[in-house]
N, C-alpha and C. Protein backbone atom coordinates (compact mmCIF):
# COMPACT_ATOMS: atom_id res chain seq x y z
N UNK A 1 -96.59 56.06 -25.98
CA UNK A 1 -94.77 56.29 -24.54
C UNK A 1 -95.42 56.59 -23.73
N UNK A 2 -94.82 55.61 -22.97
CA UNK A 2 -94.68 55.68 -21.45
C UNK A 2 -93.25 55.74 -21.57
N UNK A 3 -93.17 57.17 -20.58
CA UNK A 3 -91.14 57.42 -19.77
C UNK A 3 -90.76 56.20 -19.31
N UNK A 4 -90.10 55.52 -18.60
CA UNK A 4 -89.89 54.60 -16.94
C UNK A 4 -88.39 55.70 -17.14
N UNK A 5 -88.72 55.13 -15.82
CA UNK A 5 -86.87 55.48 -14.91
C UNK A 5 -86.23 53.94 -13.81
N UNK A 6 -85.29 54.41 -14.71
CA UNK A 6 -84.59 52.74 -13.40
C UNK A 6 -83.88 53.35 -12.99
N UNK A 7 -84.09 53.05 -11.78
CA UNK A 7 -83.59 53.68 -10.85
C UNK A 7 -82.45 52.32 -10.15
N UNK A 8 -80.93 52.51 -9.91
CA UNK A 8 -80.30 51.56 -9.16
C UNK A 8 -79.73 50.45 -10.95
N UNK A 9 -79.07 50.89 -11.13
CA UNK A 9 -78.41 50.02 -12.93
C UNK A 9 -76.87 48.61 -11.94
N UNK A 10 -77.47 48.16 -11.61
CA UNK A 10 -76.57 47.42 -10.45
C UNK A 10 -77.11 45.09 -12.01
N UNK A 11 -76.79 44.46 -11.55
CA UNK A 11 -77.59 43.82 -11.95
C UNK A 11 -78.61 42.75 -12.60
N UNK A 12 -79.11 43.66 -12.05
CA UNK A 12 -80.75 43.88 -12.33
C UNK A 12 -81.58 45.65 -12.90
N UNK A 13 -80.83 45.55 -12.75
CA UNK A 13 -80.85 47.34 -13.34
C UNK A 13 -80.76 48.08 -14.28
N UNK A 14 -79.29 47.28 -14.75
CA UNK A 14 -78.94 46.97 -16.12
C UNK A 14 -79.52 46.78 -17.35
N UNK A 15 -80.16 45.14 -16.85
CA UNK A 15 -81.49 44.62 -18.22
C UNK A 15 -82.85 45.02 -17.61
N UNK A 16 -83.27 45.52 -17.21
CA UNK A 16 -84.69 46.09 -17.05
C UNK A 16 -84.15 47.32 -17.93
N UNK A 17 -83.17 48.29 -17.65
CA UNK A 17 -83.17 49.68 -19.31
C UNK A 17 -82.87 49.16 -20.81
N UNK A 18 -81.94 47.51 -20.44
CA UNK A 18 -82.48 48.03 -22.23
C UNK A 18 -83.35 47.26 -22.36
N UNK A 19 -84.29 46.67 -21.57
CA UNK A 19 -84.93 46.21 -22.26
C UNK A 19 -86.52 46.91 -22.23
N UNK A 20 -86.50 48.22 -21.32
CA UNK A 20 -87.35 49.23 -22.28
C UNK A 20 -86.92 49.81 -23.28
N UNK A 21 -85.35 50.17 -23.49
CA UNK A 21 -85.77 50.45 -25.23
C UNK A 21 -85.66 50.10 -25.90
N UNK A 22 -85.59 48.85 -25.59
CA UNK A 22 -86.31 47.59 -26.86
C UNK A 22 -87.63 47.79 -27.58
N UNK A 23 -88.59 48.64 -26.11
CA UNK A 23 -89.24 47.98 -27.26
C UNK A 23 -90.57 49.50 -27.07
N UNK A 24 -91.58 49.37 -28.40
CA UNK A 24 -91.75 50.25 -29.10
C UNK A 24 -93.14 51.51 -28.29
N UNK A 25 -93.41 51.00 -27.17
CA UNK A 25 -93.78 51.54 -26.93
C UNK A 25 -93.84 52.11 -24.89
N UNK A 26 -92.13 52.43 -24.90
CA UNK A 26 -91.71 53.14 -23.52
C UNK A 26 -90.10 53.62 -24.24
N UNK A 27 -90.03 54.75 -23.04
CA UNK A 27 -88.69 55.11 -23.32
C UNK A 27 -87.90 55.22 -22.61
N UNK A 28 -87.12 55.61 -21.82
CA UNK A 28 -85.92 54.88 -21.43
C UNK A 28 -85.35 56.13 -21.01
N UNK A 29 -86.93 56.99 -19.90
CA UNK A 29 -86.18 58.53 -18.93
C UNK A 29 -84.51 58.64 -18.53
N UNK A 30 -84.87 57.72 -17.95
CA UNK A 30 -83.27 57.83 -17.69
C UNK A 30 -83.09 57.16 -16.87
N UNK A 31 -81.33 56.47 -16.05
CA UNK A 31 -81.48 55.68 -14.36
C UNK A 31 -80.98 56.17 -13.79
N UNK A 32 -80.52 56.18 -12.54
CA UNK A 32 -80.39 56.61 -11.65
C UNK A 32 -79.77 56.02 -10.61
N UNK A 33 -78.05 56.31 -10.30
CA UNK A 33 -77.81 55.57 -9.35
C UNK A 33 -76.69 56.24 -7.57
N UNK A 34 -75.85 55.45 -7.04
CA UNK A 34 -74.92 56.46 -6.32
C UNK A 34 -72.94 56.17 -7.23
N UNK A 35 -73.24 54.93 -7.47
CA UNK A 35 -72.35 54.41 -7.97
C UNK A 35 -71.72 55.41 -9.57
N UNK A 36 -70.30 55.15 -10.07
CA UNK A 36 -69.38 55.88 -10.34
C UNK A 36 -67.67 55.62 -11.79
N UNK A 37 -68.15 54.19 -11.15
CA UNK A 37 -68.09 53.25 -11.74
C UNK A 37 -67.93 52.29 -12.93
N UNK A 38 -66.98 50.59 -13.78
CA UNK A 38 -67.65 50.61 -14.57
C UNK A 38 -69.10 50.41 -14.88
N UNK A 39 -69.70 49.88 -13.73
CA UNK A 39 -71.02 49.60 -14.47
C UNK A 39 -72.12 51.17 -14.76
N UNK A 40 -71.76 52.39 -14.70
CA UNK A 40 -72.92 53.29 -14.49
C UNK A 40 -71.98 53.72 -15.37
N UNK A 41 -71.17 53.07 -15.97
CA UNK A 41 -70.71 53.70 -17.85
C UNK A 41 -70.59 52.73 -19.27
N UNK A 42 -71.62 51.29 -18.42
CA UNK A 42 -71.93 50.73 -19.28
C UNK A 42 -73.64 52.14 -19.69
N UNK A 43 -73.55 52.66 -18.79
CA UNK A 43 -75.35 53.32 -19.53
C UNK A 43 -74.84 54.85 -20.24
N UNK A 44 -73.07 54.95 -19.37
CA UNK A 44 -73.44 56.35 -20.70
C UNK A 44 -72.60 55.74 -21.94
N UNK A 45 -71.82 54.16 -22.45
CA UNK A 45 -71.53 54.03 -23.44
C UNK A 45 -72.89 54.09 -24.46
N UNK A 46 -73.76 53.87 -23.74
CA UNK A 46 -75.57 53.57 -24.54
C UNK A 46 -75.41 54.81 -24.64
N UNK A 47 -75.24 55.92 -24.16
CA UNK A 47 -76.04 56.96 -23.67
C UNK A 47 -77.63 56.61 -23.71
N UNK A 48 -77.25 56.31 -22.40
CA UNK A 48 -78.51 56.34 -21.56
C UNK A 48 -78.87 58.07 -20.56
N UNK A 49 -79.30 59.04 -20.34
CA UNK A 49 -79.13 59.56 -19.49
C UNK A 49 -79.22 59.57 -17.75
N UNK A 50 -78.21 59.94 -17.50
CA UNK A 50 -77.55 59.67 -15.92
C UNK A 50 -78.53 61.33 -15.16
N UNK A 51 -78.83 60.27 -13.64
CA UNK A 51 -79.12 60.61 -12.79
C UNK A 51 -78.35 60.07 -11.77
N UNK A 52 -78.09 60.94 -10.85
CA UNK A 52 -77.50 60.92 -8.91
C UNK A 52 -78.91 61.06 -8.23
N UNK A 53 -78.36 59.87 -7.49
CA UNK A 53 -78.73 59.38 -6.20
C UNK A 53 -79.29 60.34 -5.21
N UNK A 54 -77.98 61.43 -4.72
CA UNK A 54 -77.36 61.95 -4.17
C UNK A 54 -76.62 62.33 -4.59
N UNK A 55 -76.30 64.14 -3.55
CA UNK A 55 -75.14 65.16 -4.10
C UNK A 55 -74.07 64.50 -3.91
N UNK A 56 -73.27 64.18 -2.58
CA UNK A 56 -72.50 62.97 -2.75
C UNK A 56 -71.97 62.02 -4.32
N UNK A 57 -73.19 61.57 -4.40
CA UNK A 57 -72.56 60.44 -5.36
C UNK A 57 -72.18 61.63 -7.46
N UNK A 58 -73.68 62.69 -7.40
CA UNK A 58 -73.11 63.57 -8.46
C UNK A 58 -71.94 64.44 -8.85
N UNK A 59 -70.67 64.29 -7.20
CA UNK A 59 -69.89 65.59 -6.68
C UNK A 59 -68.84 64.17 -8.10
N UNK A 60 -68.92 62.70 -7.03
CA UNK A 60 -67.98 61.71 -7.66
C UNK A 60 -68.63 61.03 -9.26
N UNK A 61 -69.22 61.75 -9.10
CA UNK A 61 -69.90 61.60 -10.87
C UNK A 61 -68.92 62.01 -12.46
N UNK A 62 -69.88 63.36 -11.73
CA UNK A 62 -69.16 64.55 -12.20
C UNK A 62 -67.21 64.32 -11.83
N UNK A 63 -66.68 63.79 -10.93
CA UNK A 63 -65.62 63.86 -11.04
C UNK A 63 -65.01 62.89 -11.84
N UNK A 64 -65.55 61.58 -12.44
CA UNK A 64 -65.14 60.85 -13.76
C UNK A 64 -65.31 60.81 -14.83
N UNK A 65 -65.80 61.48 -15.24
CA UNK A 65 -66.70 62.38 -16.17
C UNK A 65 -67.87 62.76 -16.94
N UNK A 66 -68.33 62.51 -15.81
CA UNK A 66 -69.99 61.57 -16.15
C UNK A 66 -70.76 63.25 -16.21
N UNK A 67 -71.11 62.48 -17.19
CA UNK A 67 -72.47 63.97 -17.31
C UNK A 67 -74.11 63.97 -16.52
N UNK A 68 -74.19 64.99 -15.58
CA UNK A 68 -74.47 64.04 -15.18
C UNK A 68 -75.90 65.13 -15.69
N UNK A 69 -77.57 64.81 -15.44
CA UNK A 69 -78.72 65.10 -16.32
C UNK A 69 -79.85 65.84 -14.31
N UNK A 70 -79.50 64.78 -13.28
CA UNK A 70 -79.96 65.89 -11.98
C UNK A 70 -79.93 65.03 -11.14
N UNK A 71 -81.12 64.82 -9.97
CA UNK A 71 -80.55 63.54 -9.15
C UNK A 71 -82.75 62.77 -9.33
N UNK A 72 -82.50 61.77 -8.63
CA UNK A 72 -83.26 61.54 -7.66
C UNK A 72 -85.02 61.89 -8.97
N UNK A 73 -85.62 62.70 -7.91
CA UNK A 73 -86.75 64.19 -7.57
C UNK A 73 -86.87 64.73 -9.36
N UNK A 74 -85.36 64.63 -10.19
CA UNK A 74 -85.56 64.86 -11.52
C UNK A 74 -85.89 64.19 -11.89
N UNK A 75 -86.04 62.83 -12.23
CA UNK A 75 -86.02 61.67 -13.06
C UNK A 75 -87.34 61.56 -13.05
N UNK A 76 -87.95 61.27 -12.11
CA UNK A 76 -89.07 61.63 -11.43
C UNK A 76 -90.60 62.28 -12.25
N UNK A 77 -89.70 63.69 -11.81
CA UNK A 77 -91.11 64.03 -12.28
C UNK A 77 -91.64 63.95 -14.06
N UNK A 78 -90.00 63.34 -14.95
CA UNK A 78 -90.45 63.07 -15.80
C UNK A 78 -90.63 61.77 -16.69
N UNK A 79 -90.84 60.74 -16.04
CA UNK A 79 -91.03 59.50 -15.53
C UNK A 79 -93.26 59.28 -15.40
N UNK A 80 -93.22 58.32 -16.03
CA UNK A 80 -94.50 58.50 -16.22
C UNK A 80 -95.00 56.35 -14.93
N UNK A 81 -93.79 55.95 -14.61
CA UNK A 81 -93.45 54.94 -14.36
C UNK A 81 -92.13 54.56 -13.27
N UNK A 82 -91.56 53.66 -12.05
CA UNK A 82 -90.47 53.98 -11.87
C UNK A 82 -89.87 52.10 -11.84
N UNK A 83 -88.70 51.70 -12.27
CA UNK A 83 -88.74 50.12 -12.25
C UNK A 83 -87.37 50.83 -10.94
N UNK A 84 -87.59 49.58 -10.34
CA UNK A 84 -86.35 50.55 -8.22
C UNK A 84 -85.68 48.88 -8.30
N UNK A 85 -84.51 48.77 -8.78
CA UNK A 85 -83.67 47.49 -8.93
C UNK A 85 -82.88 48.27 -8.01
N UNK A 86 -82.77 48.42 -7.41
CA UNK A 86 -81.60 48.69 -6.06
C UNK A 86 -81.85 47.87 -4.63
N UNK A 87 -80.64 48.40 -4.16
CA UNK A 87 -80.18 46.71 -2.93
C UNK A 87 -81.53 46.57 -2.45
N UNK A 88 -81.73 45.21 -1.47
CA UNK A 88 -82.66 46.00 -0.53
C UNK A 88 -82.97 46.18 0.86
N UNK A 89 -84.51 46.10 1.15
CA UNK A 89 -84.15 48.04 2.02
C UNK A 89 -84.45 49.15 1.33
N UNK A 90 -83.38 49.88 0.62
CA UNK A 90 -83.61 50.69 -0.49
C UNK A 90 -84.56 51.04 -0.40
N UNK A 91 -85.28 49.88 -1.79
CA UNK A 91 -86.71 49.89 -2.37
C UNK A 91 -87.25 50.81 -2.07
N UNK A 92 -87.52 49.78 -1.26
CA UNK A 92 -88.71 49.94 0.87
C UNK A 92 -89.05 51.94 1.15
N UNK A 93 -87.93 52.18 1.01
CA UNK A 93 -87.13 53.03 1.67
C UNK A 93 -87.41 54.32 0.46
N UNK A 94 -87.38 54.25 -0.86
CA UNK A 94 -87.96 55.07 -1.78
C UNK A 94 -89.27 55.16 -1.84
N UNK A 95 -89.99 54.10 -1.58
CA UNK A 95 -91.74 53.99 -1.55
C UNK A 95 -92.24 54.87 -1.46
N UNK A 96 -91.67 55.25 0.04
CA UNK A 96 -92.60 56.99 0.28
C UNK A 96 -92.19 58.12 -0.82
N UNK A 97 -91.16 57.72 -1.18
CA UNK A 97 -91.32 59.03 -2.38
C UNK A 97 -91.96 59.08 -3.43
N UNK A 98 -92.12 57.56 -4.31
CA UNK A 98 -93.11 56.83 -5.16
C UNK A 98 -94.00 57.42 -4.25
N UNK A 99 -94.73 57.62 -3.84
CA UNK A 99 -96.18 57.54 -3.18
C UNK A 99 -96.91 58.92 -3.79
N UNK A 100 -95.21 60.17 -3.04
CA UNK A 100 -95.04 61.12 -2.10
C UNK A 100 -95.07 62.28 -4.11
N UNK A 101 -94.96 61.57 -5.02
CA UNK A 101 -94.59 62.06 -6.20
C UNK A 101 -96.03 61.04 -7.41
N UNK A 102 -96.61 60.82 -6.00
CA UNK A 102 -97.97 59.99 -7.30
C UNK A 102 -97.85 59.33 -8.90
N UNK A 103 -96.65 58.11 -9.16
CA UNK A 103 -95.69 58.01 -9.56
C UNK A 103 -96.25 56.16 -9.58
N UNK A 104 -96.29 55.60 -10.40
CA UNK A 104 -97.05 54.16 -10.43
C UNK A 104 -95.10 53.60 -10.38
N UNK A 105 -94.91 52.19 -9.79
CA UNK A 105 -93.69 51.67 -9.28
C UNK A 105 -93.29 50.04 -9.13
N UNK A 106 -92.22 49.90 -9.34
CA UNK A 106 -92.26 48.49 -9.94
C UNK A 106 -91.02 47.95 -8.45
N UNK A 107 -91.24 47.42 -7.97
CA UNK A 107 -89.54 46.93 -7.19
C UNK A 107 -89.20 45.96 -7.35
N UNK A 108 -87.75 45.34 -7.57
CA UNK A 108 -87.14 44.60 -7.65
C UNK A 108 -86.08 44.61 -6.40
N UNK A 109 -84.83 43.37 -5.94
CA UNK A 109 -83.86 43.77 -5.07
C UNK A 109 -84.77 43.12 -4.12
N UNK A 110 -85.28 41.53 -3.64
CA UNK A 110 -85.29 41.42 -2.67
C UNK A 110 -87.27 42.40 -1.98
N UNK A 111 -87.83 43.16 -1.54
CA UNK A 111 -88.18 43.33 -1.05
C UNK A 111 -89.62 42.77 -0.85
N UNK A 112 -89.57 42.47 1.01
CA UNK A 112 -90.80 41.78 1.69
C UNK A 112 -92.68 42.15 0.44
N UNK A 113 -93.45 41.12 0.00
CA UNK A 113 -94.28 41.05 -0.19
C UNK A 113 -96.16 42.72 0.42
N UNK A 114 -95.51 42.48 1.13
CA UNK A 114 -95.93 43.36 1.96
C UNK A 114 -95.99 45.96 1.61
N UNK A 115 -95.58 45.19 1.17
CA UNK A 115 -94.43 46.29 0.26
C UNK A 115 -95.64 47.39 -0.42
N UNK A 116 -95.78 45.94 -1.60
CA UNK A 116 -97.14 47.03 -2.40
C UNK A 116 -97.80 46.46 -2.49
N UNK A 117 -98.29 44.79 -0.98
CA UNK A 117 -99.28 44.57 -1.27
C UNK A 117 -99.89 43.62 -2.79
N UNK A 118 -98.36 43.61 -3.46
CA UNK A 118 -98.02 42.91 -4.61
C UNK A 118 -97.64 41.36 -4.97
N UNK A 119 -97.28 40.92 -5.22
CA UNK A 119 -96.26 40.61 -5.81
C UNK A 119 -96.11 39.13 -7.95
N UNK A 120 -95.73 39.52 -8.00
CA UNK A 120 -95.24 39.27 -9.88
C UNK A 120 -93.91 38.53 -10.36
N UNK A 121 -95.14 37.29 -10.83
CA UNK A 121 -94.70 37.36 -11.68
C UNK A 121 -95.79 36.91 -13.53
N UNK A 122 -94.67 37.25 -15.24
CA UNK A 122 -95.61 36.67 -15.23
C UNK A 122 -96.40 35.37 -16.04
N UNK A 123 -95.82 35.25 -15.85
CA UNK A 123 -95.89 33.11 -15.97
C UNK A 123 -97.33 32.84 -15.40
N UNK A 124 -97.41 33.28 -13.54
CA UNK A 124 -99.02 33.37 -13.21
C UNK A 124 -99.65 34.18 -12.76
N UNK A 125 -99.35 35.23 -13.39
CA UNK A 125 -100.14 36.39 -12.07
C UNK A 125 -100.14 37.76 -12.56
N UNK A 126 -99.88 37.88 -13.86
CA UNK A 126 -100.03 38.83 -15.01
C UNK A 126 -101.01 40.05 -15.51
N UNK A 127 -102.37 39.16 -14.76
CA UNK A 127 -103.53 40.12 -15.28
C UNK A 127 -103.51 40.53 -14.31
N UNK A 128 -103.49 40.36 -13.19
CA UNK A 128 -103.72 40.17 -11.36
C UNK A 128 -102.87 41.44 -12.03
N UNK A 129 -101.66 42.20 -12.25
CA UNK A 129 -101.25 43.25 -12.53
C UNK A 129 -102.17 44.12 -13.29
N UNK A 130 -102.75 43.88 -13.18
CA UNK A 130 -103.07 45.17 -14.11
C UNK A 130 -103.44 46.60 -13.19
N UNK A 131 -103.65 47.85 -14.20
CA UNK A 131 -104.43 48.50 -12.99
C UNK A 131 -103.81 48.71 -11.66
N UNK A 132 -102.68 47.97 -11.98
CA UNK A 132 -102.18 47.91 -10.25
C UNK A 132 -101.41 49.10 -10.52
N UNK A 133 -101.22 50.02 -8.74
CA UNK A 133 -99.96 50.95 -9.82
C UNK A 133 -98.86 50.87 -8.46
N UNK A 134 -98.97 49.75 -7.83
CA UNK A 134 -97.51 49.52 -7.13
C UNK A 134 -97.06 47.21 -6.82
N UNK A 135 -96.41 46.85 -7.41
CA UNK A 135 -95.69 45.73 -7.41
C UNK A 135 -94.47 45.55 -7.26
N UNK A 136 -94.05 44.39 -7.05
CA UNK A 136 -92.74 43.75 -6.98
C UNK A 136 -92.89 42.28 -7.47
N UNK A 137 -90.90 42.67 -8.11
CA UNK A 137 -90.42 41.18 -9.10
C UNK A 137 -89.89 40.57 -7.84
N UNK A 138 -90.79 39.40 -8.04
CA UNK A 138 -89.86 38.65 -7.34
C UNK A 138 -88.74 38.21 -7.72
N UNK A 139 -88.08 37.26 -6.72
CA UNK A 139 -86.03 37.23 -7.04
C UNK A 139 -86.74 35.90 -8.15
N UNK A 140 -85.10 35.79 -8.57
CA UNK A 140 -85.13 35.02 -9.87
C UNK A 140 -85.53 33.58 -9.38
N UNK A 141 -84.54 33.63 -8.32
CA UNK A 141 -85.26 32.01 -7.66
C UNK A 141 -86.55 32.02 -7.51
N UNK A 142 -86.80 32.27 -6.44
CA UNK A 142 -88.52 32.25 -6.65
C UNK A 142 -88.98 32.07 -7.95
N UNK A 143 -88.60 33.15 -8.85
CA UNK A 143 -89.09 33.09 -10.31
C UNK A 143 -88.99 31.75 -10.99
N UNK A 144 -87.56 31.61 -11.04
CA UNK A 144 -86.80 29.70 -12.13
C UNK A 144 -88.31 29.11 -10.98
N UNK A 145 -88.47 28.82 -9.89
CA UNK A 145 -89.36 28.09 -8.74
C UNK A 145 -91.07 27.84 -9.07
N UNK A 146 -90.99 29.09 -9.03
CA UNK A 146 -93.00 29.38 -9.95
C UNK A 146 -93.00 29.19 -11.62
N UNK A 147 -92.19 28.60 -12.69
CA UNK A 147 -92.19 28.69 -13.09
C UNK A 147 -91.92 26.61 -13.57
N UNK A 148 -91.37 26.41 -12.49
CA UNK A 148 -90.79 24.62 -12.54
C UNK A 148 -92.42 23.73 -12.17
N UNK A 149 -92.79 24.53 -11.37
CA UNK A 149 -93.85 24.06 -10.70
C UNK A 149 -95.02 24.60 -11.43
N UNK A 150 -94.88 25.66 -11.79
CA UNK A 150 -96.22 25.42 -12.51
C UNK A 150 -96.57 24.77 -14.10
N UNK A 151 -95.47 24.44 -14.33
CA UNK A 151 -95.82 23.74 -15.79
C UNK A 151 -95.74 22.31 -14.85
N UNK A 152 -95.34 21.52 -13.96
CA UNK A 152 -95.44 20.58 -13.82
C UNK A 152 -97.26 20.46 -12.84
N UNK A 153 -97.50 21.31 -12.46
CA UNK A 153 -98.72 20.91 -12.32
C UNK A 153 -100.24 21.08 -13.30
N UNK A 154 -100.07 22.19 -13.80
CA UNK A 154 -99.98 22.52 -15.29
C UNK A 154 -101.43 20.66 -16.09
N UNK A 155 -100.18 19.94 -15.89
CA UNK A 155 -99.42 19.06 -16.65
C UNK A 155 -100.21 17.74 -15.06
N UNK A 156 -100.41 18.36 -14.52
CA UNK A 156 -100.78 17.17 -13.48
C UNK A 156 -100.38 16.24 -12.81
N UNK A 157 -98.96 16.80 -13.08
CA UNK A 157 -98.28 16.48 -12.24
C UNK A 157 -97.05 16.69 -10.69
N UNK A 158 -97.83 17.19 -9.86
CA UNK A 158 -97.00 17.84 -9.06
C UNK A 158 -98.42 18.37 -8.28
N UNK A 159 -98.31 17.04 -6.63
CA UNK A 159 -98.69 16.81 -6.06
C UNK A 159 -98.18 17.92 -4.26
N UNK A 160 -97.22 17.42 -3.99
CA UNK A 160 -95.77 18.36 -3.39
C UNK A 160 -94.36 18.88 -3.28
N UNK A 161 -93.86 19.20 -3.01
CA UNK A 161 -92.79 20.09 -3.83
C UNK A 161 -92.03 20.40 -2.93
N UNK A 162 -90.61 19.62 -3.09
CA UNK A 162 -89.61 20.32 -2.24
C UNK A 162 -88.64 19.98 -2.32
N UNK A 163 -87.66 20.90 -2.04
CA UNK A 163 -86.25 21.30 -3.04
C UNK A 163 -85.80 21.96 -3.08
N UNK A 164 -84.27 21.77 -3.39
CA UNK A 164 -82.59 21.61 -2.60
C UNK A 164 -81.93 23.22 -3.66
N UNK A 165 -81.98 24.08 -3.24
CA UNK A 165 -81.44 25.49 -3.91
C UNK A 165 -80.47 25.35 -3.77
N UNK A 166 -79.21 26.01 -4.97
CA UNK A 166 -77.97 25.52 -4.58
C UNK A 166 -78.60 27.33 -6.16
N UNK A 167 -77.68 28.42 -6.19
CA UNK A 167 -76.98 29.20 -5.92
C UNK A 167 -75.16 29.90 -5.41
N UNK A 168 -74.86 30.81 -6.36
CA UNK A 168 -73.17 31.83 -6.32
C UNK A 168 -73.92 32.39 -5.32
N UNK A 169 -72.39 32.61 -4.18
CA UNK A 169 -73.24 33.49 -3.52
C UNK A 169 -73.53 34.82 -3.14
N UNK A 170 -72.51 35.62 -4.44
CA UNK A 170 -73.40 37.35 -4.16
C UNK A 170 -73.25 37.39 -5.63
N UNK A 171 -73.32 38.49 -5.56
CA UNK A 171 -72.31 39.50 -6.98
C UNK A 171 -71.17 40.34 -6.44
N UNK A 172 -70.40 39.39 -7.57
CA UNK A 172 -68.70 40.54 -7.43
C UNK A 172 -69.23 41.78 -6.94
N UNK A 173 -69.09 42.12 -6.42
CA UNK A 173 -68.71 43.98 -6.17
C UNK A 173 -69.34 43.85 -4.22
N UNK A 174 -69.34 42.13 -4.13
CA UNK A 174 -70.32 42.10 -2.32
C UNK A 174 -69.83 41.18 -2.15
N UNK A 175 -68.58 40.39 -2.70
CA UNK A 175 -68.20 39.33 -1.99
C UNK A 175 -67.44 39.25 -1.31
N UNK A 176 -67.12 40.15 -0.19
CA UNK A 176 -67.00 40.43 1.19
C UNK A 176 -67.89 40.21 1.80
N UNK A 177 -69.28 40.00 1.44
CA UNK A 177 -69.85 40.60 2.35
C UNK A 177 -70.50 38.58 2.74
N UNK A 178 -70.90 38.79 1.55
CA UNK A 178 -71.91 37.08 1.13
C UNK A 178 -71.06 35.89 1.19
N UNK A 179 -69.44 35.94 1.06
CA UNK A 179 -69.30 34.67 0.73
C UNK A 179 -68.29 34.96 -1.19
N UNK A 180 -67.49 33.93 -0.76
CA UNK A 180 -66.72 33.83 -2.15
C UNK A 180 -68.12 33.50 -3.27
N UNK A 181 -67.25 34.13 -4.93
CA UNK A 181 -68.01 34.05 -6.05
C UNK A 181 -67.43 32.31 -6.23
N UNK A 182 -68.81 32.21 -6.71
CA UNK A 182 -69.75 30.43 -7.67
C UNK A 182 -68.86 29.88 -5.84
N UNK A 183 -68.76 29.53 -4.57
CA UNK A 183 -68.52 28.48 -3.73
C UNK A 183 -70.15 28.79 -3.38
N UNK A 184 -70.92 26.83 -2.47
CA UNK A 184 -71.37 27.07 -1.50
C UNK A 184 -71.47 28.07 -0.87
N UNK A 185 -72.97 29.00 -0.14
CA UNK A 185 -72.76 29.28 1.77
C UNK A 185 -74.05 28.72 1.75
N UNK A 186 -73.31 27.95 2.98
CA UNK A 186 -75.42 28.15 3.95
C UNK A 186 -76.40 29.39 3.73
N UNK A 187 -77.23 28.81 3.33
CA UNK A 187 -78.68 29.33 4.77
C UNK A 187 -78.89 29.46 5.62
N UNK A 188 -78.47 30.65 5.55
CA UNK A 188 -78.28 31.25 7.02
C UNK A 188 -79.98 31.69 7.92
N UNK A 189 -80.88 31.66 7.16
CA UNK A 189 -81.62 31.26 7.97
C UNK A 189 -83.11 30.15 7.15
N UNK A 190 -83.57 29.94 7.87
CA UNK A 190 -84.87 28.68 7.33
C UNK A 190 -85.40 28.33 8.17
N UNK A 191 -86.93 28.56 7.14
CA UNK A 191 -86.81 29.07 5.82
C UNK A 191 -86.00 29.25 5.15
N UNK A 192 -85.32 29.67 3.80
CA UNK A 192 -85.68 30.19 3.68
C UNK A 192 -86.89 31.38 2.64
N UNK A 193 -86.60 32.25 2.55
CA UNK A 193 -88.60 33.23 1.49
C UNK A 193 -88.12 32.43 0.65
N UNK A 194 -88.01 31.23 -0.85
CA UNK A 194 -87.90 31.32 -1.62
C UNK A 194 -89.86 30.52 -1.19
N UNK A 195 -89.96 29.84 -0.26
CA UNK A 195 -91.49 28.68 -0.33
C UNK A 195 -92.78 30.45 -0.36
N UNK A 196 -92.52 30.64 0.80
CA UNK A 196 -93.59 32.12 0.95
C UNK A 196 -93.59 32.87 0.26
N UNK A 197 -92.15 33.25 -1.27
CA UNK A 197 -92.84 34.02 -2.14
C UNK A 197 -93.25 33.51 -2.96
N UNK A 198 -92.92 32.38 -3.09
CA UNK A 198 -93.91 31.51 -3.89
C UNK A 198 -95.60 31.70 -4.10
N UNK A 199 -95.42 31.90 -2.93
CA UNK A 199 -97.26 31.29 -2.26
C UNK A 199 -97.97 33.22 -2.25
N UNK A 200 -96.95 33.87 -1.86
CA UNK A 200 -97.04 35.99 -2.47
C UNK A 200 -97.83 35.09 -4.01
N UNK A 201 -97.15 34.45 -4.92
CA UNK A 201 -97.60 34.98 -6.33
C UNK A 201 -98.56 34.29 -6.70
N UNK A 202 -99.11 33.17 -6.83
CA UNK A 202 -100.55 31.98 -6.28
C UNK A 202 -100.79 31.15 -5.67
N UNK A 203 -100.97 31.88 -4.41
CA UNK A 203 -101.80 31.41 -2.87
C UNK A 203 -102.25 29.71 -3.43
N UNK A 204 -102.86 29.85 -4.06
CA UNK A 204 -103.73 28.36 -4.73
C UNK A 204 -103.21 27.46 -5.81
N UNK A 205 -101.96 28.21 -5.93
CA UNK A 205 -100.81 26.86 -7.43
C UNK A 205 -100.12 26.50 -6.24
N UNK A 206 -100.13 27.05 -5.25
CA UNK A 206 -98.65 26.60 -4.37
C UNK A 206 -98.69 26.66 -3.26
N UNK A 207 -99.98 26.14 -3.06
CA UNK A 207 -100.43 25.94 -1.51
C UNK A 207 -100.17 24.48 -1.42
N UNK A 208 -98.80 23.72 -2.15
CA UNK A 208 -98.69 22.59 -1.71
C UNK A 208 -96.83 22.95 -1.23
N UNK A 209 -96.64 24.19 -0.96
CA UNK A 209 -95.29 24.89 -0.59
C UNK A 209 -95.25 24.76 0.73
N UNK A 210 -94.59 23.85 1.52
CA UNK A 210 -93.83 23.62 2.91
C UNK A 210 -94.28 25.65 3.56
N UNK A 211 -94.30 25.88 4.44
CA UNK A 211 -93.93 27.32 4.94
C UNK A 211 -92.59 27.35 5.12
């Protein structure tokens, strides 16, 4: 039985926490965040142990009637592995803490391949992730690309791929930053990260993707 901590209880973190809670060989040791609104209240209703990432966050949580078990360091001390689901760049900052605590970690949320040196998608490279101290899970869009192209390649139906990706603009609480929900927003960076990220998971199978 392994104790797993979830850092960041948002779109990704809430799903990871629920998945851990369903496993026979894992125990959710707690979730940690800075929020005190309806998002973390869902974790409270599910009776997950709540930890605050900062003192300010702890004060806000307590003012909303949330029972706080401690801070992130307290959660890490009782965990065997941490799944970091915080926003981009926050997870990269947390890596130094995980290494200092000598705890294995999985990153979500858009960190670069170089942050861990291994990029993961279960259908493609499960075996290469065994016994590693760290990996990062590529984005949902990159995962969909990998699943689609891998199926086509295994059936010998694909020589080259060029795709057009349509996605929702942003998460509800960040609509003021990246566009109104359910609208199409042009990609501001060309090429986008999805092609290179797919190659970081499986450079041989995805060699036909353009840089």
